[in-house]
PDB file of N, CA and C in Angstrom:
ATOM      1  N   MET A   1     -18.956   7.244  -8.304  1.00  0.00           N
ATOM      2  CA  MET A   1     -17.828   6.431  -7.996  1.00  0.00           C
ATOM      3  C   MET A   1     -17.743   5.033  -8.551  1.00  0.00           C
ATOM      4  N   ALA A   2     -18.050   5.105  -9.853  1.00  0.00           N
ATOM      5  CA  ALA A   2     -18.037   3.834 -10.493  1.00  0.00           C
ATOM      6  C   ALA A   2     -16.615   3.222 -10.652  1.00  0.00           C
ATOM      7  N   ASP A   3     -15.444   3.916 -10.547  1.00  0.00           N
ATOM      8  CA  ASP A   3     -14.285   3.495 -10.705  1.00  0.00           C
ATOM      9  C   ASP A   3     -13.610   2.886  -9.226  1.00  0.00           C
ATOM     10  N   PHE A   4     -14.365   3.082  -8.129  1.00  0.00           N
ATOM     11  CA  PHE A   4     -13.973   2.915  -6.833  1.00  0.00           C
ATOM     12  C   PHE A   4     -14.337   1.401  -6.317  1.00  0.00           C
ATOM     13  N   VAL A   5     -13.577   0.753  -5.766  1.00  0.00           N
ATOM     14  CA  VAL A   5     -13.845  -0.743  -5.373  1.00  0.00           C
ATOM     15  C   VAL A   5     -13.665  -0.837  -3.836  1.00  0.00           C
ATOM     16  N   LYS A   6     -14.568  -1.473  -3.114  1.00  0.00           N
ATOM     17  CA  LYS A   6     -14.392  -1.688  -1.809  1.00  0.00           C
ATOM     18  C   LYS A   6     -13.351  -2.582  -1.663  1.00  0.00           C
ATOM     19  N   ILE A   7     -12.384  -2.268  -0.655  1.00  0.00           N
ATOM     20  CA  ILE A   7     -11.319  -3.244  -0.310  1.00  0.00           C
ATOM     21  C   ILE A   7     -11.606  -4.069   0.882  1.00  0.00           C
ATOM     22  N   THR A   8     -11.784  -3.289   2.126  1.00  0.00           N
ATOM     23  CA  THR A   8     -11.938  -3.953   3.164  1.00  0.00           C
ATOM     24  C   THR A   8     -12.764  -2.770   4.127  1.00  0.00           C
ATOM     25  N   SER A   9     -12.673  -3.232   5.650  1.00  0.00           N
ATOM     26  CA  SER A   9     -13.132  -2.323   6.626  1.00  0.00           C
ATOM     27  C   SER A   9     -12.077  -1.626   7.273  1.00  0.00           C
ATOM     28  N   ILE A  10     -12.313  -0.266   7.715  1.00  0.00           N
ATOM     29  CA  ILE A  10     -11.184   0.354   8.405  1.00  0.00           C
ATOM     30  C   ILE A  10     -10.912  -0.397   9.623  1.00  0.00           C
ATOM     31  N   LYS A  11     -11.479  -1.216  10.437  1.00  0.00           N
ATOM     32  CA  LYS A  11     -11.373  -2.066  11.488  1.00  0.00           C
ATOM     33  C   LYS A  11     -10.543  -3.027  11.256  1.00  0.00           C
ATOM     34  N   SER A  12     -10.249  -3.392  10.087  1.00  0.00           N
ATOM     35  CA  SER A  12      -9.389  -4.568   9.567  1.00  0.00           C
ATOM     36  C   SER A  12      -7.936  -4.163   9.542  1.00  0.00           C
ATOM     37  N   ILE A  13      -7.773  -2.851   9.463  1.00  0.00           N
ATOM     38  CA  ILE A  13      -6.367  -2.443   9.587  1.00  0.00           C
ATOM     39  C   ILE A  13      -5.912  -1.560  10.556  1.00  0.00           C
ATOM     40  N   PRO A  14      -5.440  -1.805  11.482  1.00  0.00           N
ATOM     41  CA  PRO A  14      -5.248  -1.066  12.762  1.00  0.00           C
ATOM     42  C   PRO A  14      -3.943   0.119  12.511  1.00  0.00           C
ATOM     43  N   GLN A  15      -4.083   1.177  13.292  1.00  0.00           N
ATOM     44  CA  GLN A  15      -3.257   2.311  12.950  1.00  0.00           C
ATOM     45  C   GLN A  15      -1.753   1.648  13.142  1.00  0.00           C
ATOM     46  N   GLY A  16      -0.957   2.017  12.259  1.00  0.00           N
ATOM     47  CA  GLY A  16       0.530   1.620  12.167  1.00  0.00           C
ATOM     48  C   GLY A  16       0.821   0.527  11.402  1.00  0.00           C
ATOM     49  N   HIS A  17      -0.386  -0.119  10.795  1.00  0.00           N
ATOM     50  CA  HIS A  17      -0.271  -1.625  10.173  1.00  0.00           C
ATOM     51  C   HIS A  17      -0.549  -1.636   8.700  1.00  0.00           C
ATOM     52  N   MET A  18      -0.450  -2.550   7.793  1.00  0.00           N
ATOM     53  CA  MET A  18      -0.514  -2.511   6.518  1.00  0.00           C
ATOM     54  C   MET A  18      -0.967  -3.944   6.110  1.00  0.00           C
ATOM     55  N   VAL A  19      -2.004  -4.092   5.002  1.00  0.00           N
ATOM     56  CA  VAL A  19      -2.417  -5.491   4.496  1.00  0.00           C
ATOM     57  C   VAL A  19      -2.237  -5.281   2.866  1.00  0.00           C
ATOM     58  N   GLY A  20      -1.997  -6.656   2.316  1.00  0.00           N
ATOM     59  CA  GLY A  20      -1.862  -6.621   0.850  1.00  0.00           C
ATOM     60  C   GLY A  20      -3.135  -7.258   0.507  1.00  0.00           C
ATOM     61  N   VAL A  21      -3.880  -6.637  -0.696  1.00  0.00           N
ATOM     62  CA  VAL A  21      -5.011  -7.217  -1.146  1.00  0.00           C
ATOM     63  C   VAL A  21      -4.802  -7.351  -2.638  1.00  0.00           C
ATOM     64  N   LYS A  22      -5.466  -8.311  -3.175  1.00  0.00           N
ATOM     65  CA  LYS A  22      -5.676  -8.450  -4.754  1.00  0.00           C
ATOM     66  C   LYS A  22      -7.153  -8.047  -5.118  1.00  0.00           C
ATOM     67  N   VAL A  23      -7.030  -7.189  -5.960  1.00  0.00           N
ATOM     68  CA  VAL A  23      -8.459  -6.442  -6.408  1.00  0.00           C
ATOM     69  C   VAL A  23      -8.373  -6.736  -8.050  1.00  0.00           C
ATOM     70  N   GLU A  24      -9.285  -7.469  -8.469  1.00  0.00           N
ATOM     71  CA  GLU A  24      -9.088  -7.675 -10.030  1.00  0.00           C
ATOM     72  C   GLU A  24      -7.840  -8.171 -10.587  1.00  0.00           C
ATOM     73  N   ASP A  25      -7.031  -7.727 -11.048  1.00  0.00           N
ATOM     74  CA  ASP A  25      -5.694  -8.077 -11.380  1.00  0.00           C
ATOM     75  C   ASP A  25      -4.552  -7.240 -10.777  1.00  0.00           C
ATOM     76  N   LYS A  26      -4.915  -6.645  -9.855  1.00  0.00           N
ATOM     77  CA  LYS A  26      -4.067  -5.717  -9.134  1.00  0.00           C
ATOM     78  C   LYS A  26      -3.644  -6.125  -7.846  1.00  0.00           C
ATOM     79  N   GLU A  27      -2.237  -6.057  -7.391  1.00  0.00           N
ATOM     80  CA  GLU A  27      -1.818  -6.236  -6.069  1.00  0.00           C
ATOM     81  C   GLU A  27      -1.590  -5.006  -5.263  1.00  0.00           C
ATOM     82  N   ILE A  28      -2.439  -4.801  -4.059  1.00  0.00           N
ATOM     83  CA  ILE A  28      -2.417  -3.300  -3.555  1.00  0.00           C
ATOM     84  C   ILE A  28      -1.998  -3.668  -1.998  1.00  0.00           C
ATOM     85  N   LEU A  29      -1.296  -2.672  -1.694  1.00  0.00           N
ATOM     86  CA  LEU A  29      -0.981  -2.558  -0.162  1.00  0.00           C
ATOM     87  C   LEU A  29      -1.621  -1.281   0.283  1.00  0.00           C
ATOM     88  N   ILE A  30      -2.363  -1.588   1.407  1.00  0.00           N
ATOM     89  CA  ILE A  30      -3.341  -0.541   2.165  1.00  0.00           C
ATOM     90  C   ILE A  30      -2.502  -0.230   3.696  1.00  0.00           C
ATOM     91  N   ALA A  31      -2.255   0.873   3.694  1.00  0.00           N
ATOM     92  CA  ALA A  31      -1.333   1.084   5.083  1.00  0.00           C
ATOM     93  C   ALA A  31      -2.369   2.278   5.941  1.00  0.00           C
ATOM     94  N   ASN A  32      -2.616   2.071   7.149  1.00  0.00           N
ATOM     95  CA  ASN A  32      -3.225   3.012   8.083  1.00  0.00           C
ATOM     96  C   ASN A  32      -1.971   3.900   8.663  1.00  0.00           C
ATOM     97  N   LEU A  33      -1.873   4.929   8.373  1.00  0.00           N
ATOM     98  CA  LEU A  33      -1.061   5.863   9.133  1.00  0.00           C
ATOM     99  C   LEU A  33      -1.694   7.086  10.147  1.00  0.00           C
ATOM    100  N   GLU A  34      -1.440   6.953  11.048  1.00  0.00           N
ATOM    101  CA  GLU A  34      -2.438   7.839  12.162  1.00  0.00           C
ATOM    102  C   GLU A  34      -3.752   7.851  11.687  1.00  0.00           C
ATOM    103  N   GLY A  35      -4.531   6.876  11.180  1.00  0.00           N
ATOM    104  CA  GLY A  35      -5.960   7.103  11.054  1.00  0.00           C
ATOM    105  C   GLY A  35      -6.185   7.630   9.436  1.00  0.00           C
ATOM    106  N   LYS A  36      -5.292   7.832   8.620  1.00  0.00           N
ATOM    107  CA  LYS A  36      -5.286   8.144   7.452  1.00  0.00           C
ATOM    108  C   LYS A  36      -4.970   6.901   6.319  1.00  0.00           C
ATOM    109  N   PHE A  37      -5.633   6.543   5.258  1.00  0.00           N
ATOM    110  CA  PHE A  37      -5.342   5.340   4.653  1.00  0.00           C
ATOM    111  C   PHE A  37      -4.516   5.568   3.384  1.00  0.00           C
ATOM    112  N   TYR A  38      -3.511   4.963   2.963  1.00  0.00           N
ATOM    113  CA  TYR A  38      -2.729   4.969   1.596  1.00  0.00           C
ATOM    114  C   TYR A  38      -2.704   3.729   0.818  1.00  0.00           C
ATOM    115  N   ALA A  39      -2.968   3.789  -0.228  1.00  0.00           N
ATOM    116  CA  ALA A  39      -2.873   2.524  -1.136  1.00  0.00           C
ATOM    117  C   ALA A  39      -1.729   2.892  -2.284  1.00  0.00           C
ATOM    118  N   VAL A  40      -0.904   1.866  -2.395  1.00  0.00           N
ATOM    119  CA  VAL A  40       0.059   1.734  -3.226  1.00  0.00           C
ATOM    120  C   VAL A  40       0.372   0.165  -3.897  1.00  0.00           C
ATOM    121  N   GLY A  41       0.989   0.130  -5.017  1.00  0.00           N
ATOM    122  CA  GLY A  41       1.287  -1.073  -5.508  1.00  0.00           C
ATOM    123  C   GLY A  41       1.976  -2.089  -4.339  1.00  0.00           C
ATOM    124  N   ASP A  42       1.458  -3.301  -4.424  1.00  0.00           N
ATOM    125  CA  ASP A  42       1.985  -4.048  -3.213  1.00  0.00           C
ATOM    126  C   ASP A  42       3.420  -4.877  -3.815  1.00  0.00           C
ATOM    127  N   LYS A  43       3.682  -4.912  -4.963  1.00  0.00           N
ATOM    128  CA  LYS A  43       4.958  -5.563  -5.630  1.00  0.00           C
ATOM    129  C   LYS A  43       6.101  -4.530  -5.576  1.00  0.00           C
ATOM    130  N   CYS A  44       7.147  -4.783  -4.999  1.00  0.00           N
ATOM    131  CA  CYS A  44       8.313  -3.974  -5.299  1.00  0.00           C
ATOM    132  C   CYS A  44       8.782  -3.920  -6.884  1.00  0.00           C
ATOM    133  N   THR A  45       9.223  -2.749  -6.932  1.00  0.00           N
ATOM    134  CA  THR A  45       9.725  -2.379  -8.326  1.00  0.00           C
ATOM    135  C   THR A  45      10.893  -2.892  -8.588  1.00  0.00           C
ATOM    136  N   HIS A  46      11.725  -3.467  -7.781  1.00  0.00           N
ATOM    137  CA  HIS A  46      12.916  -3.899  -7.890  1.00  0.00           C
ATOM    138  C   HIS A  46      13.018  -5.696  -8.716  1.00  0.00           C
ATOM    139  N   VAL A  47      12.253  -6.550  -8.040  1.00  0.00           N
ATOM    140  CA  VAL A  47      11.978  -7.832  -8.515  1.00  0.00           C
ATOM    141  C   VAL A  47      10.619  -8.217  -8.274  1.00  0.00           C
ATOM    142  N   GLY A  48       9.669  -7.512  -7.634  1.00  0.00           N
ATOM    143  CA  GLY A  48       8.467  -7.978  -7.600  1.00  0.00           C
ATOM    144  C   GLY A  48       7.954  -8.676  -6.239  1.00  0.00           C
ATOM    145  N   CYS A  49       8.785  -8.610  -5.467  1.00  0.00           N
ATOM    146  CA  CYS A  49       8.356  -9.189  -3.894  1.00  0.00           C
ATOM    147  C   CYS A  49       7.117  -8.372  -3.312  1.00  0.00           C
ATOM    148  N   LEU A  50       6.413  -9.273  -2.502  1.00  0.00           N
ATOM    149  CA  LEU A  50       5.330  -8.602  -2.013  1.00  0.00           C
ATOM    150  C   LEU A  50       5.600  -7.538  -0.877  1.00  0.00           C
ATOM    151  N   LEU A  51       5.451  -6.388  -0.879  1.00  0.00           N
ATOM    152  CA  LEU A  51       5.712  -5.371   0.150  1.00  0.00           C
ATOM    153  C   LEU A  51       4.926  -5.465   1.443  1.00  0.00           C
ATOM    154  N   SER A  52       3.989  -6.190   1.394  1.00  0.00           N
ATOM    155  CA  SER A  52       3.077  -6.382   2.510  1.00  0.00           C
ATOM    156  C   SER A  52       3.768  -7.427   3.319  1.00  0.00           C
ATOM    157  N   GLU A  53       4.687  -8.274   2.866  1.00  0.00           N
ATOM    158  CA  GLU A  53       5.433  -9.197   3.812  1.00  0.00           C
ATOM    159  C   GLU A  53       6.538  -8.706   4.594  1.00  0.00           C
ATOM    160  N   GLY A  54       6.865  -7.481   4.008  1.00  0.00           N
ATOM    161  CA  GLY A  54       7.869  -6.603   4.691  1.00  0.00           C
ATOM    162  C   GLY A  54       7.549  -5.920   5.921  1.00  0.00           C
ATOM    163  N   THR A  55       8.116  -4.906   6.261  1.00  0.00           N
ATOM    164  CA  THR A  55       7.904  -4.154   7.557  1.00  0.00           C
ATOM    165  C   THR A  55       7.693  -2.735   7.145  1.00  0.00           C
ATOM    166  N   LEU A  56       6.690  -2.160   8.075  1.00  0.00           N
ATOM    167  CA  LEU A  56       5.994  -0.617   7.967  1.00  0.00           C
ATOM    168  C   LEU A  56       6.631  -0.020   9.207  1.00  0.00           C
ATOM    169  N   ARG A  57       7.266   0.964   9.052  1.00  0.00           N
ATOM    170  CA  ARG A  57       7.755   1.824  10.133  1.00  0.00           C
ATOM    171  C   ARG A  57       7.632   3.397   9.583  1.00  0.00           C
ATOM    172  N   GLY A  58       6.498   3.857  10.434  1.00  0.00           N
ATOM    173  CA  GLY A  58       6.241   4.876  10.043  1.00  0.00           C
ATOM    174  C   GLY A  58       5.519   5.080   8.508  1.00  0.00           C
ATOM    175  N   ASP A  59       6.040   5.936   7.688  1.00  0.00           N
ATOM    176  CA  ASP A  59       5.453   5.997   6.205  1.00  0.00           C
ATOM    177  C   ASP A  59       6.083   5.115   5.258  1.00  0.00           C
ATOM    178  N   ARG A  60       7.115   4.447   5.873  1.00  0.00           N
ATOM    179  CA  ARG A  60       7.939   3.446   4.885  1.00  0.00           C
ATOM    180  C   ARG A  60       7.936   2.147   5.110  1.00  0.00           C
ATOM    181  N   VAL A  61       7.935   1.575   4.047  1.00  0.00           N
ATOM    182  CA  VAL A  61       7.679   0.007   4.125  1.00  0.00           C
ATOM    183  C   VAL A  61       8.916  -0.448   3.236  1.00  0.00           C
ATOM    184  N   THR A  62       9.563  -1.485   4.026  1.00  0.00           N
ATOM    185  CA  THR A  62      10.860  -2.081   3.490  1.00  0.00           C
ATOM    186  C   THR A  62      10.497  -3.727   2.873  1.00  0.00           C
ATOM    187  N   CYS A  63      11.072  -3.810   1.672  1.00  0.00           N
ATOM    188  CA  CYS A  63      10.672  -4.853   0.988  1.00  0.00           C
ATOM    189  C   CYS A  63      11.385  -5.922   1.746  1.00  0.00           C
ATOM    190  N   PRO A  64      10.688  -7.317   1.755  1.00  0.00           N
ATOM    191  CA  PRO A  64      11.484  -8.562   2.572  1.00  0.00           C
ATOM    192  C   PRO A  64      12.617  -9.151   1.824  1.00  0.00           C
ATOM    193  N   CYS A  65      12.509  -8.706   0.594  1.00  0.00           N
ATOM    194  CA  CYS A  65      13.705  -9.697  -0.432  1.00  0.00           C
ATOM    195  C   CYS A  65      15.124  -8.901  -0.315  1.00  0.00           C
ATOM    196  N   HIS A  66      15.174  -7.577  -0.850  1.00  0.00           N
ATOM    197  CA  HIS A  66      16.421  -7.244  -1.049  1.00  0.00           C
ATOM    198  C   HIS A  66      16.562  -5.774  -0.264  1.00  0.00           C
ATOM    199  N   PHE A  67      15.421  -5.350   0.573  1.00  0.00           N
ATOM    200  CA  PHE A  67      15.337  -4.107   1.429  1.00  0.00           C
ATOM    201  C   PHE A  67      15.251  -3.030   0.930  1.00  0.00           C
ATOM    202  N   SER A  68      14.766  -3.046  -0.369  1.00  0.00           N
ATOM    203  CA  SER A  68      14.253  -1.517  -0.791  1.00  0.00           C
ATOM    204  C   SER A  68      13.387  -0.904   0.056  1.00  0.00           C
ATOM    205  N   VAL A  69      13.398   0.549   0.123  1.00  0.00           N
ATOM    206  CA  VAL A  69      12.438   1.362   1.013  1.00  0.00           C
ATOM    207  C   VAL A  69      11.752   2.201   0.133  1.00  0.00           C
ATOM    208  N   PHE A  70      10.191   1.962   0.280  1.00  0.00           N
ATOM    209  CA  PHE A  70       9.383   3.119  -0.197  1.00  0.00           C
ATOM    210  C   PHE A  70       8.515   3.976   0.539  1.00  0.00           C
ATOM    211  N   ASN A  71       8.130   5.039   0.287  1.00  0.00           N
ATOM    212  CA  ASN A  71       7.201   5.790   1.039  1.00  0.00           C
ATOM    213  C   ASN A  71       5.674   5.544   0.505  1.00  0.00           C
ATOM    214  N   VAL A  72       4.901   4.910   1.527  1.00  0.00           N
ATOM    215  CA  VAL A  72       3.518   4.422   1.141  1.00  0.00           C
ATOM    216  C   VAL A  72       2.555   5.832   0.987  1.00  0.00           C
ATOM    217  N   LYS A  73       2.987   6.970   1.295  1.00  0.00           N
ATOM    218  CA  LYS A  73       2.190   7.979   1.160  1.00  0.00           C
ATOM    219  C   LYS A  73       2.196   8.573  -0.544  1.00  0.00           C
ATOM    220  N   ASP A  74       3.157   8.384  -1.101  1.00  0.00           N
ATOM    221  CA  ASP A  74       3.549   8.911  -2.500  1.00  0.00           C
ATOM    222  C   ASP A  74       4.092   7.914  -3.319  1.00  0.00           C
ATOM    223  N   GLY A  75       4.543   6.789  -2.923  1.00  0.00           N
ATOM    224  CA  GLY A  75       5.026   5.690  -3.678  1.00  0.00           C
ATOM    225  C   GLY A  75       6.571   5.827  -3.868  1.00  0.00           C
ATOM    226  N   SER A  76       7.223   6.648  -3.732  1.00  0.00           N
ATOM    227  CA  SER A  76       8.497   6.911  -4.089  1.00  0.00           C
ATOM    228  C   SER A  76       9.429   5.939  -3.419  1.00  0.00           C
ATOM    229  N   ALA A  77      10.422   5.837  -4.364  1.00  0.00           N
ATOM    230  CA  ALA A  77      11.526   4.734  -3.999  1.00  0.00           C
ATOM    231  C   ALA A  77      12.567   5.579  -3.102  1.00  0.00           C
ATOM    232  N   ILE A  78      12.674   5.114  -1.808  1.00  0.00           N
ATOM    233  CA  ILE A  78      13.881   6.013  -1.316  1.00  0.00           C
ATOM    234  C   ILE A  78      15.146   5.340  -0.826  1.00  0.00           C
ATOM    235  N   LYS A  79      15.280   4.073  -0.937  1.00  0.00           N
ATOM    236  CA  LYS A  79      16.549   3.342  -0.878  1.00  0.00           C
ATOM    237  C   LYS A  79      16.539   2.124  -1.887  1.00  0.00           C
ATOM    238  N   PRO A  80      17.684   2.093  -2.577  1.00  0.00           N
ATOM    239  CA  PRO A  80      17.930   0.979  -3.597  1.00  0.00           C
ATOM    240  C   PRO A  80      17.922  -0.316  -2.826  1.00  0.00           C
ATOM    241  N   PRO A  81      17.814  -1.326  -3.782  1.00  0.00           N
ATOM    242  CA  PRO A  81      17.922  -1.303  -5.283  1.00  0.00           C
ATOM    243  C   PRO A  81      16.897  -0.639  -5.819  1.00  0.00           C
ATOM    244  N   ALA A  82      15.606  -0.913  -5.600  1.00  0.00           N
ATOM    245  CA  ALA A  82      14.654  -0.175  -6.405  1.00  0.00           C
ATOM    246  C   ALA A  82      14.688   1.157  -6.719  1.00  0.00           C
ATOM    247  N   LYS A  83      14.587   1.516  -8.068  1.00  0.00           N
ATOM    248  CA  LYS A  83      14.718   2.856  -8.420  1.00  0.00           C
ATOM    249  C   LYS A  83      13.498   3.551  -8.769  1.00  0.00           C
ATOM    250  N   LYS A  84      12.510   2.729  -9.142  1.00  0.00           N
ATOM    251  CA  LYS A  84      10.876   3.313  -9.670  1.00  0.00           C
ATOM    252  C   LYS A  84      10.068   3.279  -8.667  1.00  0.00           C
ATOM    253  N   PRO A  85       9.254   4.366  -8.763  1.00  0.00           N
ATOM    254  CA  PRO A  85       8.417   4.469  -7.792  1.00  0.00           C
ATOM    255  C   PRO A  85       7.123   3.500  -7.723  1.00  0.00           C
ATOM    256  N   LEU A  86       6.283   3.192  -6.646  1.00  0.00           N
ATOM    257  CA  LEU A  86       5.302   2.252  -6.928  1.00  0.00           C
ATOM    258  C   LEU A  86       4.337   3.139  -7.404  1.00  0.00           C
ATOM    259  N   LEU A  87       2.916   2.373  -7.925  1.00  0.00           N
ATOM    260  CA  LEU A  87       1.804   3.085  -8.344  1.00  0.00           C
ATOM    261  C   LEU A  87       1.206   3.385  -7.105  1.00  0.00           C
ATOM    262  N   THR A  88       0.543   4.366  -7.310  1.00  0.00           N
ATOM    263  CA  THR A  88      -0.451   5.274  -5.918  1.00  0.00           C
ATOM    264  C   THR A  88      -1.964   4.970  -6.545  1.00  0.00           C
ATOM    265  N   TYR A  89      -2.846   4.988  -5.541  1.00  0.00           N
ATOM    266  CA  TYR A  89      -4.275   4.784  -5.818  1.00  0.00           C
ATOM    267  C   TYR A  89      -4.906   5.687  -4.924  1.00  0.00           C
ATOM    268  N   ASP A  90      -5.937   6.453  -5.382  1.00  0.00           N
ATOM    269  CA  ASP A  90      -6.846   7.219  -4.507  1.00  0.00           C
ATOM    270  C   ASP A  90      -7.660   6.461  -3.314  1.00  0.00           C
ATOM    271  N   VAL A  91      -7.585   6.653  -2.238  1.00  0.00           N
ATOM    272  CA  VAL A  91      -8.400   5.996  -1.177  1.00  0.00           C
ATOM    273  C   VAL A  91      -9.395   7.082  -0.528  1.00  0.00           C
ATOM    274  N   VAL A  92     -10.556   6.561  -0.388  1.00  0.00           N
ATOM    275  CA  VAL A  92     -11.655   6.976   0.191  1.00  0.00           C
ATOM    276  C   VAL A  92     -12.231   6.233   1.457  1.00  0.00           C
ATOM    277  N   VAL A  93     -12.567   6.868   2.474  1.00  0.00           N
ATOM    278  CA  VAL A  93     -13.471   6.084   3.520  1.00  0.00           C
ATOM    279  C   VAL A  93     -14.960   6.427   3.402  1.00  0.00           C
ATOM    280  N   LEU A  94     -15.587   5.449   3.255  1.00  0.00           N
ATOM    281  CA  LEU A  94     -16.975   5.625   3.376  1.00  0.00           C
ATOM    282  C   LEU A  94     -17.745   4.692   4.337  1.00  0.00           C
ATOM    283  N   GLY A  95     -18.110   5.442   5.483  1.00  0.00           N
ATOM    284  CA  GLY A  95     -18.470   4.966   6.652  1.00  0.00           C
ATOM    285  C   GLY A  95     -17.539   4.103   7.244  1.00  0.00           C
ATOM    286  N   ASP A  96     -17.442   2.892   7.187  1.00  0.00           N
ATOM    287  CA  ASP A  96     -16.474   1.846   7.758  1.00  0.00           C
ATOM    288  C   ASP A  96     -15.613   1.280   6.791  1.00  0.00           C
ATOM    289  N   ASP A  97     -15.973   1.722   5.418  1.00  0.00           N
ATOM    290  CA  ASP A  97     -15.554   1.025   4.184  1.00  0.00           C
ATOM    291  C   ASP A  97     -14.211   1.713   3.725  1.00  0.00           C
ATOM    292  N   ILE A  98     -13.135   1.161   3.231  1.00  0.00           N
ATOM    293  CA  ILE A  98     -11.908   1.519   2.749  1.00  0.00           C
ATOM    294  C   ILE A  98     -12.281   1.411   1.009  1.00  0.00           C
ATOM    295  N   VAL A  99     -12.445   2.204   0.369  1.00  0.00           N
ATOM    296  CA  VAL A  99     -12.601   1.995  -1.283  1.00  0.00           C
ATOM    297  C   VAL A  99     -11.378   2.810  -1.955  1.00  0.00           C
ATOM    298  N   VAL A 100     -10.858   2.081  -3.013  1.00  0.00           N
ATOM    299  CA  VAL A 100      -9.856   2.520  -3.815  1.00  0.00           C
ATOM    300  C   VAL A 100     -10.526   2.795  -5.283  1.00  0.00           C
ATOM    301  N   LYS A 101      -9.702   3.809  -5.707  1.00  0.00           N
ATOM    302  CA  LYS A 101     -10.057   3.824  -7.334  1.00  0.00           C
ATOM    303  C   LYS A 101      -8.728   3.224  -8.082  1.00  0.00           C
ATOM    304  N   LEU A 102      -9.438   2.364  -8.963  1.00  0.00           N
ATOM    305  CA  LEU A 102      -8.648   1.351  -9.850  1.00  0.00           C
ATOM    306  C   LEU A 102      -8.253   1.927 -10.960  1.00  0.00           C
TER     307      LEU A 102
END
């Protein structure tokens, strides 16, 4: 698992919440949906605003700047003005740790 990096503990992201983290040179949003963790790029593909400062409702995150909406499960852009999907990252839970493949 050399490509995987520990991000945080599962206890630090309650169900239905998200956090933004910077790992190496990557901005990553981690979301907890019903106990399963998803990781996508934290910057909106429209102008680059931090999605972790937006709102999470179900599996959708809304950008705080221009209200683009993305699916945190697959990174797809659901509502413009953003058209490009977010990068997605593989997530593994090891004990209490959330690790992400960079």
